[in-house]
Amino acid sequence: MAATGKQQRKDVPATLAHDTDSVECGSDKGESASSIGRVFAILGAIGDSGQIGISELSQRLGMSKTTVHRVVQTLKALGYVTQEVETERYRLTIRLFALGAKALESVDLVREADVEMRRIGQLTREAVHLGAFDEDAIIYIHKIDADYGLRMQSRIGRRNPLHSTAIGKVLLAWMEPADAREVLSHVEFRKSTQKTLSSAEAVLSILPRVREQGYGEDNEEQEEGLQCIAVPVFDRFGRVIAGLSISFPTMRCGADTKSHYVALLRESGLAISTRLGYREAAAPQHAAAEPG
């Protein structure tokens, strides 16, 4: 027997089903565009306010409380908004930051990084990675393989933990402490090796040192016998948008080698950042700490 109506898609909340059907059928494009506009207006108002209630949102945006409540509940169900228990006011979640981070897979960042990554690869013959923040993990958006045939648990598009990778520590270290703590509250601290940090407090305790010295380290915390060093990549606003790392077997890691790798990474990280519009005075300076 033929279906009498369109089955609601499982990944679309009920409050958005009408708008989705309108777009698909082409019957009410104007209303759909208006609905999308309301969603972004509400997101913007919540972002500007920090925390805000339904009544205040309604007054500020000139929308009915019913409409505001329906949209906010949809955003809450999708994870973009959360409600404070004590005040019943709403605020944005870190998920919007994560969504923006996915834009880091843009051609410009990868293209500018590729030149420097290949240079490091040629000079060291080691594996070089570019990674970005992705919710409760890092995601590799570019990679240059090692000439030595080094086998690693990494590929473009793969996610790895924040707490056990050098790139993850760099991304966390340049966040506001409260933001880093919020991100880590959603992390499952699985131990990949005996050296993996096992709590948010353990990770938070090392972040000031990472920022001070200007680079992060993974000392066999993600894979046994493998070490990584990473430096930040800044955008034109002085924000860290990615991490650049080099990975190498512990057996090839002497003090001189490590110092050389840190210097290469710093030079290339700054070169990539500069091509993206960054000027060194735009971000806090780190101390010229020697690797140790």
C-alpha atoms as a PDB file:
ATOM      1  CA  MET A   1       0.000   0.000   0.000  1.00  0.00           C
ATOM      2  CA  ALA A   2       1.400   3.447  -0.889  1.00  0.00           C
ATOM      3  CA  ALA A   3       2.473   5.722   1.922  1.00  0.00           C
ATOM      4  CA  THR A   4       0.108   8.622   2.588  1.00  0.00           C
ATOM      5  CA  GLY A   5       2.743  10.984   3.952  1.00  0.00           C
ATOM      6  CA  LYS A   6       6.477  11.555   4.154  1.00  0.00           C
ATOM      7  CA  GLN A   7       8.233   9.744   7.001  1.00  0.00           C
ATOM      8  CA  GLN A   8      10.119  12.124   9.302  1.00  0.00           C
ATOM      9  CA  ARG A   9      13.897  11.707   9.053  1.00  0.00           C
ATOM     10  CA  LYS A  10      15.368  10.314  12.258  1.00  0.00           C
ATOM     11  CA  ASP A  11      18.194  12.865  12.400  1.00  0.00           C
ATOM     12  CA  VAL A  12      15.873  15.895  12.252  1.00  0.00           C
ATOM     13  CA  PRO A  13      14.145  17.060  15.463  1.00  0.00           C
ATOM     14  CA  ALA A  14      10.373  17.251  15.281  1.00  0.00           C
ATOM     15  CA  THR A  15      10.393  21.040  15.595  1.00  0.00           C
ATOM     16  CA  LEU A  16      12.412  21.305  12.385  1.00  0.00           C
ATOM     17  CA  ALA A  17      10.536  18.660  10.432  1.00  0.00           C
ATOM     18  CA  HIS A  18       8.066  21.139   8.948  1.00  0.00           C
ATOM     19  CA  ASP A  19      10.813  23.450   7.727  1.00  0.00           C
ATOM     20  CA  THR A  20      12.795  20.539   6.279  1.00  0.00           C
ATOM     21  CA  ASP A  21       9.780  19.248   4.382  1.00  0.00           C
ATOM     22  CA  SER A  22       9.113  22.727   3.028  1.00  0.00           C
ATOM     23  CA  VAL A  23      12.617  22.934   1.600  1.00  0.00           C
ATOM     24  CA  GLU A  24      12.442  19.444   0.110  1.00  0.00           C
ATOM     25  CA  CYS A  25       9.023  20.020  -1.499  1.00  0.00           C
ATOM     26  CA  GLY A  26       9.783  23.574  -2.576  1.00  0.00           C
ATOM     27  CA  SER A  27       6.317  24.609  -1.365  1.00  0.00           C
ATOM     28  CA  ASP A  28       7.278  27.259   1.136  1.00  0.00           C
ATOM     29  CA  LYS A  29      10.820  28.468   0.523  1.00  0.00           C
ATOM     30  CA  GLY A  30      10.133  31.897   1.958  1.00  0.00           C
ATOM     31  CA  GLU A  31       8.951  30.475   5.278  1.00  0.00           C
ATOM     32  CA  SER A  32      11.943  28.124   5.430  1.00  0.00           C
ATOM     33  CA  ALA A  33      14.374  30.982   4.884  1.00  0.00           C
ATOM     34  CA  SER A  34      12.585  32.940   7.596  1.00  0.00           C
ATOM     35  CA  SER A  35      12.861  29.999   9.992  1.00  0.00           C
ATOM     36  CA  ILE A  36      16.599  29.715   9.359  1.00  0.00           C
ATOM     37  CA  GLY A  37      16.933  33.442   9.959  1.00  0.00           C
ATOM     38  CA  ARG A  38      15.203  33.093  13.327  1.00  0.00           C
ATOM     39  CA  VAL A  39      17.578  30.299  14.338  1.00  0.00           C
ATOM     40  CA  PHE A  40      20.672  32.406  13.655  1.00  0.00           C
ATOM     41  CA  ALA A  41      19.131  35.506  15.240  1.00  0.00           C
ATOM     42  CA  ILE A  42      18.512  33.536  18.435  1.00  0.00           C
ATOM     43  CA  LEU A  43      22.019  32.037  18.379  1.00  0.00           C
ATOM     44  CA  GLY A  44      23.491  35.512  17.924  1.00  0.00           C
ATOM     45  CA  ALA A  45      21.440  36.985  20.757  1.00  0.00           C
ATOM     46  CA  ILE A  46      22.418  34.178  23.145  1.00  0.00           C
ATOM     47  CA  GLY A  47      26.065  34.596  22.156  1.00  0.00           C
ATOM     48  CA  ASP A  48      25.957  38.360  22.717  1.00  0.00           C
ATOM     49  CA  SER A  49      24.304  37.975  26.115  1.00  0.00           C
ATOM     50  CA  GLY A  50      26.347  35.102  27.492  1.00  0.00           C
ATOM     51  CA  GLN A  51      23.247  33.809  29.305  1.00  0.00           C
ATOM     52  CA  ILE A  52      19.647  34.797  28.613  1.00  0.00           C
ATOM     53  CA  GLY A  53      16.078  33.675  29.304  1.00  0.00           C
ATOM     54  CA  ILE A  54      13.182  33.048  26.929  1.00  0.00           C
ATOM     55  CA  SER A  55      11.271  36.226  27.868  1.00  0.00           C
ATOM     56  CA  GLU A  56      14.297  38.459  27.328  1.00  0.00           C
ATOM     57  CA  LEU A  57      15.072  36.771  24.020  1.00  0.00           C
ATOM     58  CA  SER A  58      11.485  37.292  22.917  1.00  0.00           C
ATOM     59  CA  GLN A  59      11.578  40.999  23.765  1.00  0.00           C
ATOM     60  CA  ARG A  60      15.001  41.588  22.243  1.00  0.00           C
ATOM     61  CA  LEU A  61      14.210  39.885  18.945  1.00  0.00           C
ATOM     62  CA  GLY A  62      10.543  40.827  18.630  1.00  0.00           C
ATOM     63  CA  MET A  63       9.462  37.180  18.409  1.00  0.00           C
ATOM     64  CA  SER A  64       6.716  35.403  20.282  1.00  0.00           C
ATOM     65  CA  LYS A  65       7.722  33.382  23.344  1.00  0.00           C
ATOM     66  CA  THR A  66       6.263  30.285  21.706  1.00  0.00           C
ATOM     67  CA  THR A  67       8.510  30.656  18.658  1.00  0.00           C
ATOM     68  CA  VAL A  68      11.607  31.431  20.731  1.00  0.00           C
ATOM     69  CA  HIS A  69      10.974  28.506  23.063  1.00  0.00           C
ATOM     70  CA  ARG A  70      10.454  26.089  20.158  1.00  0.00           C
ATOM     71  CA  VAL A  71      13.682  27.127  18.430  1.00  0.00           C
ATOM     72  CA  VAL A  72      15.731  27.137  21.651  1.00  0.00           C
ATOM     73  CA  GLN A  73      14.505  23.662  22.573  1.00  0.00           C
ATOM     74  CA  THR A  74      15.528  22.424  19.127  1.00  0.00           C
ATOM     75  CA  LEU A  75      18.998  23.966  19.523  1.00  0.00           C
ATOM     76  CA  LYS A  76      19.234  22.400  22.963  1.00  0.00           C
ATOM     77  CA  ALA A  77      18.317  18.973  21.573  1.00  0.00           C
ATOM     78  CA  LEU A  78      21.013  19.374  18.904  1.00  0.00           C
ATOM     79  CA  GLY A  79      23.627  20.290  21.520  1.00  0.00           C
ATOM     80  CA  TYR A  80      24.242  23.906  20.494  1.00  0.00           C
ATOM     81  CA  VAL A  81      22.536  25.433  23.535  1.00  0.00           C
ATOM     82  CA  THR A  82      22.400  24.355  27.178  1.00  0.00           C
ATOM     83  CA  GLN A  83      20.245  25.524  30.070  1.00  0.00           C
ATOM     84  CA  GLU A  84      21.668  26.490  33.450  1.00  0.00           C
ATOM     85  CA  VAL A  85      19.873  24.573  36.191  1.00  0.00           C
ATOM     86  CA  GLU A  86      19.865  27.330  38.811  1.00  0.00           C
ATOM     87  CA  THR A  87      18.902  30.313  36.618  1.00  0.00           C
ATOM     88  CA  GLU A  88      17.035  28.452  33.828  1.00  0.00           C
ATOM     89  CA  ARG A  89      18.833  30.782  31.421  1.00  0.00           C
ATOM     90  CA  TYR A  90      20.390  29.531  28.182  1.00  0.00           C
ATOM     91  CA  ARG A  91      23.944  29.765  26.877  1.00  0.00           C
ATOM     92  CA  LEU A  92      25.866  28.480  23.863  1.00  0.00           C
ATOM     93  CA  THR A  93      27.899  25.287  24.115  1.00  0.00           C
ATOM     94  CA  ILE A  94      31.394  24.485  22.882  1.00  0.00           C
ATOM     95  CA  ARG A  95      29.835  22.649  19.937  1.00  0.00           C
ATOM     96  CA  LEU A  96      29.594  25.857  17.917  1.00  0.00           C
ATOM     97  CA  PHE A  97      33.337  26.327  18.386  1.00  0.00           C
ATOM     98  CA  ALA A  98      33.830  22.755  17.184  1.00  0.00           C
ATOM     99  CA  LEU A  99      31.649  23.412  14.140  1.00  0.00           C
ATOM    100  CA  GLY A 100      33.720  26.459  13.258  1.00  0.00           C
ATOM    101  CA  ALA A 101      36.902  24.439  13.680  1.00  0.00           C
ATOM    102  CA  LYS A 102      35.834  22.120  10.870  1.00  0.00           C
ATOM    103  CA  ALA A 103      36.309  25.049   8.484  1.00  0.00           C
ATOM    104  CA  LEU A 104      40.023  24.593   9.102  1.00  0.00           C
ATOM    105  CA  GLU A 105      39.978  21.959   6.402  1.00  0.00           C
ATOM    106  CA  SER A 106      39.874  24.846   3.953  1.00  0.00           C
ATOM    107  CA  VAL A 107      42.238  24.886   1.013  1.00  0.00           C
ATOM    108  CA  ASP A 108      44.147  27.980   2.227  1.00  0.00           C
ATOM    109  CA  LEU A 109      45.373  26.510   5.516  1.00  0.00           C
ATOM    110  CA  VAL A 110      46.372  23.161   4.056  1.00  0.00           C
ATOM    111  CA  ARG A 111      48.008  24.737   1.008  1.00  0.00           C
ATOM    112  CA  GLU A 112      50.092  27.159   3.069  1.00  0.00           C
ATOM    113  CA  ALA A 113      51.029  24.436   5.550  1.00  0.00           C
ATOM    114  CA  ASP A 114      51.957  21.936   2.840  1.00  0.00           C
ATOM    115  CA  VAL A 115      55.004  23.934   1.743  1.00  0.00           C
ATOM    116  CA  GLU A 116      56.464  24.024   5.255  1.00  0.00           C
ATOM    117  CA  MET A 117      55.478  20.459   6.087  1.00  0.00           C
ATOM    118  CA  ARG A 118      57.251  19.121   3.021  1.00  0.00           C
ATOM    119  CA  ARG A 119      60.321  21.165   3.923  1.00  0.00           C
ATOM    120  CA  ILE A 120      60.405  19.662   7.423  1.00  0.00           C
ATOM    121  CA  GLY A 121      59.834  16.209   5.969  1.00  0.00           C
ATOM    122  CA  GLN A 122      62.744  16.592   3.581  1.00  0.00           C
ATOM    123  CA  LEU A 123      65.066  17.875   6.309  1.00  0.00           C
ATOM    124  CA  THR A 124      64.178  15.258   8.923  1.00  0.00           C
ATOM    125  CA  ARG A 125      62.628  12.341   6.967  1.00  0.00           C
ATOM    126  CA  GLU A 126      60.129  12.069   9.843  1.00  0.00           C
ATOM    127  CA  ALA A 127      56.299  12.173   9.796  1.00  0.00           C
ATOM    128  CA  VAL A 128      54.749  15.662   9.916  1.00  0.00           C
ATOM    129  CA  HIS A 129      51.113  16.354  10.853  1.00  0.00           C
ATOM    130  CA  LEU A 130      48.696  19.275  10.814  1.00  0.00           C
ATOM    131  CA  GLY A 131      45.803  18.863  13.240  1.00  0.00           C
ATOM    132  CA  ALA A 132      42.791  20.905  14.345  1.00  0.00           C
ATOM    133  CA  PHE A 133      40.317  20.885  17.219  1.00  0.00           C
ATOM    134  CA  ASP A 134      37.259  18.655  16.696  1.00  0.00           C
ATOM    135  CA  GLU A 135      34.898  18.627  19.705  1.00  0.00           C
ATOM    136  CA  ASP A 136      36.635  16.376  22.263  1.00  0.00           C
ATOM    137  CA  ALA A 137      39.547  15.336  20.032  1.00  0.00           C
ATOM    138  CA  ILE A 138      41.954  16.457  17.343  1.00  0.00           C
ATOM    139  CA  ILE A 139      41.490  15.700  13.666  1.00  0.00           C
ATOM    140  CA  TYR A 140      44.368  15.386  11.215  1.00  0.00           C
ATOM    141  CA  ILE A 141      43.812  17.614   8.201  1.00  0.00           C
ATOM    142  CA  HIS A 142      47.173  17.084   6.479  1.00  0.00           C
ATOM    143  CA  LYS A 143      50.092  14.666   6.767  1.00  0.00           C
ATOM    144  CA  ILE A 144      53.506  14.075   5.242  1.00  0.00           C
ATOM    145  CA  ASP A 145      54.628  10.477   5.700  1.00  0.00           C
ATOM    146  CA  ALA A 146      58.051   9.553   7.057  1.00  0.00           C
ATOM    147  CA  ASP A 147      60.699   8.282   4.656  1.00  0.00           C
ATOM    148  CA  TYR A 148      61.603   5.587   7.170  1.00  0.00           C
ATOM    149  CA  GLY A 149      58.361   3.685   6.677  1.00  0.00           C
ATOM    150  CA  LEU A 150      57.209   4.596  10.182  1.00  0.00           C
ATOM    151  CA  ARG A 151      53.835   3.014  10.956  1.00  0.00           C
ATOM    152  CA  MET A 152      51.536   5.298  12.940  1.00  0.00           C
ATOM    153  CA  GLN A 153      47.892   5.456  14.016  1.00  0.00           C
ATOM    154  CA  SER A 154      47.290   8.566  11.929  1.00  0.00           C
ATOM    155  CA  ARG A 155      45.823   9.514   8.591  1.00  0.00           C
ATOM    156  CA  ILE A 156      44.047  12.549   7.162  1.00  0.00           C
ATOM    157  CA  GLY A 157      40.557  12.662   8.665  1.00  0.00           C
ATOM    158  CA  ARG A 158      41.409  10.460  11.645  1.00  0.00           C
ATOM    159  CA  ARG A 159      40.640  11.698  15.143  1.00  0.00           C
ATOM    160  CA  ASN A 160      42.989  11.189  18.100  1.00  0.00           C
ATOM    161  CA  PRO A 161      42.642  12.200  21.766  1.00  0.00           C
ATOM    162  CA  LEU A 162      43.432  15.689  23.002  1.00  0.00           C
ATOM    163  CA  HIS A 163      45.050  14.516  26.233  1.00  0.00           C
ATOM    164  CA  SER A 164      47.610  12.133  24.751  1.00  0.00           C
ATOM    165  CA  THR A 165      48.811  14.047  21.676  1.00  0.00           C
ATOM    166  CA  ALA A 166      51.231  16.941  21.337  1.00  0.00           C
ATOM    167  CA  ILE A 167      48.830  18.761  19.002  1.00  0.00           C
ATOM    168  CA  GLY A 168      45.998  18.310  21.491  1.00  0.00           C
ATOM    169  CA  LYS A 169      48.044  19.826  24.311  1.00  0.00           C
ATOM    170  CA  VAL A 170      48.957  22.813  22.145  1.00  0.00           C
ATOM    171  CA  LEU A 171      45.321  23.452  21.183  1.00  0.00           C
ATOM    172  CA  LEU A 172      44.261  23.251  24.835  1.00  0.00           C
ATOM    173  CA  ALA A 173      47.143  25.399  26.123  1.00  0.00           C
ATOM    174  CA  TRP A 174      46.096  28.427  24.067  1.00  0.00           C
ATOM    175  CA  MET A 175      42.451  28.234  25.150  1.00  0.00           C
ATOM    176  CA  GLU A 176      41.144  30.145  28.136  1.00  0.00           C
ATOM    177  CA  PRO A 177      41.567  27.861  31.185  1.00  0.00           C
ATOM    178  CA  ALA A 178      37.806  27.677  31.716  1.00  0.00           C
ATOM    179  CA  ASP A 179      37.286  26.659  28.074  1.00  0.00           C
ATOM    180  CA  ALA A 180      39.996  24.008  28.293  1.00  0.00           C
ATOM    181  CA  ARG A 181      38.392  22.612  31.447  1.00  0.00           C
ATOM    182  CA  GLU A 182      34.990  22.536  29.722  1.00  0.00           C
ATOM    183  CA  VAL A 183      36.408  20.673  26.741  1.00  0.00           C
ATOM    184  CA  LEU A 184      38.195  18.155  28.958  1.00  0.00           C
ATOM    185  CA  SER A 185      34.994  17.520  30.920  1.00  0.00           C
ATOM    186  CA  HIS A 186      33.690  15.700  27.832  1.00  0.00           C
ATOM    187  CA  VAL A 187      36.844  13.651  27.247  1.00  0.00           C
ATOM    188  CA  GLU A 188      37.011   9.958  28.042  1.00  0.00           C
ATOM    189  CA  PHE A 189      40.505   9.475  29.440  1.00  0.00           C
ATOM    190  CA  ARG A 190      41.445   6.165  27.889  1.00  0.00           C
ATOM    191  CA  LYS A 191      45.034   5.087  28.487  1.00  0.00           C
ATOM    192  CA  SER A 192      46.749   4.255  25.201  1.00  0.00           C
ATOM    193  CA  THR A 193      50.017   3.509  27.017  1.00  0.00           C
ATOM    194  CA  GLN A 194      51.285   3.457  30.607  1.00  0.00           C
ATOM    195  CA  LYS A 195      52.390   7.085  30.155  1.00  0.00           C
ATOM    196  CA  THR A 196      49.003   8.463  29.061  1.00  0.00           C
ATOM    197  CA  LEU A 197      47.662  11.223  31.316  1.00  0.00           C
ATOM    198  CA  SER A 198      44.527   9.913  33.001  1.00  0.00           C
ATOM    199  CA  SER A 199      42.593  12.953  34.239  1.00  0.00           C
ATOM    200  CA  ALA A 200      41.589  16.487  33.349  1.00  0.00           C
ATOM    201  CA  GLU A 201      43.585  17.844  36.286  1.00  0.00           C
ATOM    202  CA  ALA A 202      46.733  16.108  35.073  1.00  0.00           C
ATOM    203  CA  VAL A 203      46.340  17.681  31.644  1.00  0.00           C
ATOM    204  CA  LEU A 204      45.442  21.125  32.966  1.00  0.00           C
ATOM    205  CA  SER A 205      48.506  21.127  35.225  1.00  0.00           C
ATOM    206  CA  ILE A 206      50.905  20.931  32.253  1.00  0.00           C
ATOM    207  CA  LEU A 207      49.222  23.495  29.995  1.00  0.00           C
ATOM    208  CA  PRO A 208      50.922  26.587  31.494  1.00  0.00           C
ATOM    209  CA  ARG A 209      54.313  24.966  30.800  1.00  0.00           C
ATOM    210  CA  VAL A 210      53.271  24.133  27.228  1.00  0.00           C
ATOM    211  CA  ARG A 211      52.275  27.728  26.592  1.00  0.00           C
ATOM    212  CA  GLU A 212      55.372  29.137  28.297  1.00  0.00           C
ATOM    213  CA  GLN A 213      57.805  27.047  26.268  1.00  0.00           C
ATOM    214  CA  GLY A 214      55.804  27.416  23.049  1.00  0.00           C
ATOM    215  CA  TYR A 215      55.414  23.738  22.191  1.00  0.00           C
ATOM    216  CA  GLY A 216      53.694  20.580  23.398  1.00  0.00           C
ATOM    217  CA  GLU A 217      55.034  17.052  23.729  1.00  0.00           C
ATOM    218  CA  ASP A 218      53.766  13.494  23.553  1.00  0.00           C
ATOM    219  CA  ASN A 219      56.315  11.288  25.266  1.00  0.00           C
ATOM    220  CA  GLU A 220      55.055   7.849  24.266  1.00  0.00           C
ATOM    221  CA  GLU A 221      51.587   8.776  25.570  1.00  0.00           C
ATOM    222  CA  GLN A 222      49.681   7.877  22.396  1.00  0.00           C
ATOM    223  CA  GLU A 223      51.874   5.090  21.002  1.00  0.00           C
ATOM    224  CA  GLU A 224      54.693   3.205  22.709  1.00  0.00           C
ATOM    225  CA  GLY A 225      58.130   3.960  21.290  1.00  0.00           C
ATOM    226  CA  LEU A 226      56.902   7.119  19.549  1.00  0.00           C
ATOM    227  CA  GLN A 227      57.343  10.764  20.525  1.00  0.00           C
ATOM    228  CA  CYS A 228      55.826  13.922  19.063  1.00  0.00           C
ATOM    229  CA  ILE A 229      56.482  17.639  19.351  1.00  0.00           C
ATOM    230  CA  ALA A 230      53.928  20.249  18.234  1.00  0.00           C
ATOM    231  CA  VAL A 231      53.729  24.031  17.907  1.00  0.00           C
ATOM    232  CA  PRO A 232      50.703  26.293  17.405  1.00  0.00           C
ATOM    233  CA  VAL A 233      49.527  27.802  14.121  1.00  0.00           C
ATOM    234  CA  PHE A 234      47.860  31.212  14.516  1.00  0.00           C
ATOM    235  CA  ASP A 235      45.274  32.978  12.373  1.00  0.00           C
ATOM    236  CA  ARG A 236      45.282  36.705  11.604  1.00  0.00           C
ATOM    237  CA  PHE A 237      43.542  37.442  14.907  1.00  0.00           C
ATOM    238  CA  GLY A 238      46.252  35.745  16.942  1.00  0.00           C
ATOM    239  CA  ARG A 239      44.094  32.711  17.729  1.00  0.00           C
ATOM    240  CA  VAL A 240      45.479  29.182  17.587  1.00  0.00           C
ATOM    241  CA  ILE A 241      43.607  27.336  14.850  1.00  0.00           C
ATOM    242  CA  ALA A 242      45.820  24.278  14.369  1.00  0.00           C
ATOM    243  CA  GLY A 243      48.870  22.435  15.583  1.00  0.00           C
ATOM    244  CA  LEU A 244      51.920  21.445  13.527  1.00  0.00           C
ATOM    245  CA  SER A 245      53.820  18.387  14.733  1.00  0.00           C
ATOM    246  CA  ILE A 246      56.695  16.077  13.978  1.00  0.00           C
ATOM    247  CA  SER A 247      56.642  12.413  15.090  1.00  0.00           C
ATOM    248  CA  PHE A 248      59.669  10.176  15.525  1.00  0.00           C
ATOM    249  CA  PRO A 249      60.754   6.969  17.286  1.00  0.00           C
ATOM    250  CA  THR A 250      62.122   7.407  20.800  1.00  0.00           C
ATOM    251  CA  MET A 251      65.330   5.649  19.754  1.00  0.00           C
ATOM    252  CA  ARG A 252      66.094   8.578  17.409  1.00  0.00           C
ATOM    253  CA  CYS A 253      65.433  11.244  20.040  1.00  0.00           C
ATOM    254  CA  GLY A 254      68.634  12.717  21.475  1.00  0.00           C
ATOM    255  CA  ALA A 255      68.826  16.154  23.121  1.00  0.00           C
ATOM    256  CA  ASP A 256      70.349  17.736  20.008  1.00  0.00           C
ATOM    257  CA  THR A 257      67.754  16.140  17.731  1.00  0.00           C
ATOM    258  CA  LYS A 258      64.895  17.408  19.867  1.00  0.00           C
ATOM    259  CA  SER A 259      66.279  20.954  19.944  1.00  0.00           C
ATOM    260  CA  HIS A 260      66.668  20.857  16.162  1.00  0.00           C
ATOM    261  CA  TYR A 261      63.090  19.651  15.677  1.00  0.00           C
ATOM    262  CA  VAL A 262      61.676  22.317  17.996  1.00  0.00           C
ATOM    263  CA  ALA A 263      63.547  25.026  16.073  1.00  0.00           C
ATOM    264  CA  LEU A 264      62.266  23.716  12.719  1.00  0.00           C
ATOM    265  CA  LEU A 265      58.696  23.557  13.976  1.00  0.00           C
ATOM    266  CA  ARG A 266      58.804  27.054  15.429  1.00  0.00           C
ATOM    267  CA  GLU A 267      60.174  28.475  12.185  1.00  0.00           C
ATOM    268  CA  SER A 268      57.575  26.682  10.058  1.00  0.00           C
ATOM    269  CA  GLY A 269      54.698  27.373  12.459  1.00  0.00           C
ATOM    270  CA  LEU A 270      55.468  31.088  12.319  1.00  0.00           C
ATOM    271  CA  ALA A 271      55.836  30.996   8.516  1.00  0.00           C
ATOM    272  CA  ILE A 272      52.414  29.342   8.083  1.00  0.00           C
ATOM    273  CA  SER A 273      50.820  31.740  10.567  1.00  0.00           C
ATOM    274  CA  THR A 274      52.327  34.747   8.796  1.00  0.00           C
ATOM    275  CA  ARG A 275      50.952  33.579   5.444  1.00  0.00           C
ATOM    276  CA  LEU A 276      47.522  33.364   7.078  1.00  0.00           C
ATOM    277  CA  GLY A 277      47.785  37.026   8.126  1.00  0.00           C
ATOM    278  CA  TYR A 278      49.220  36.620  11.617  1.00  0.00           C
ATOM    279  CA  ARG A 279      51.580  39.206  13.073  1.00  0.00           C
ATOM    280  CA  GLU A 280      53.644  38.021  16.030  1.00  0.00           C
ATOM    281  CA  ALA A 281      52.596  40.881  18.325  1.00  0.00           C
ATOM    282  CA  ALA A 282      48.944  39.805  17.995  1.00  0.00           C
ATOM    283  CA  ALA A 283      49.338  36.829  20.360  1.00  0.00           C
ATOM    284  CA  PRO A 284      50.927  36.449  23.789  1.00  0.00           C
ATOM    285  CA  GLN A 285      54.614  35.688  23.556  1.00  0.00           C
ATOM    286  CA  HIS A 286      56.095  32.543  25.035  1.00  0.00           C
ATOM    287  CA  ALA A 287      59.370  32.431  26.869  1.00  0.00           C
ATOM    288  CA  ALA A 288      62.337  31.204  24.907  1.00  0.00           C
ATOM    289  CA  ALA A 289      62.511  27.994  26.899  1.00  0.00           C
ATOM    290  CA  GLU A 290      64.934  25.349  25.797  1.00  0.00           C
ATOM    291  CA  PRO A 291      63.507  21.887  25.248  1.00  0.00           C
ATOM    292  CA  GLY A 292      64.191  19.592  28.121  1.00  0.00           C
END
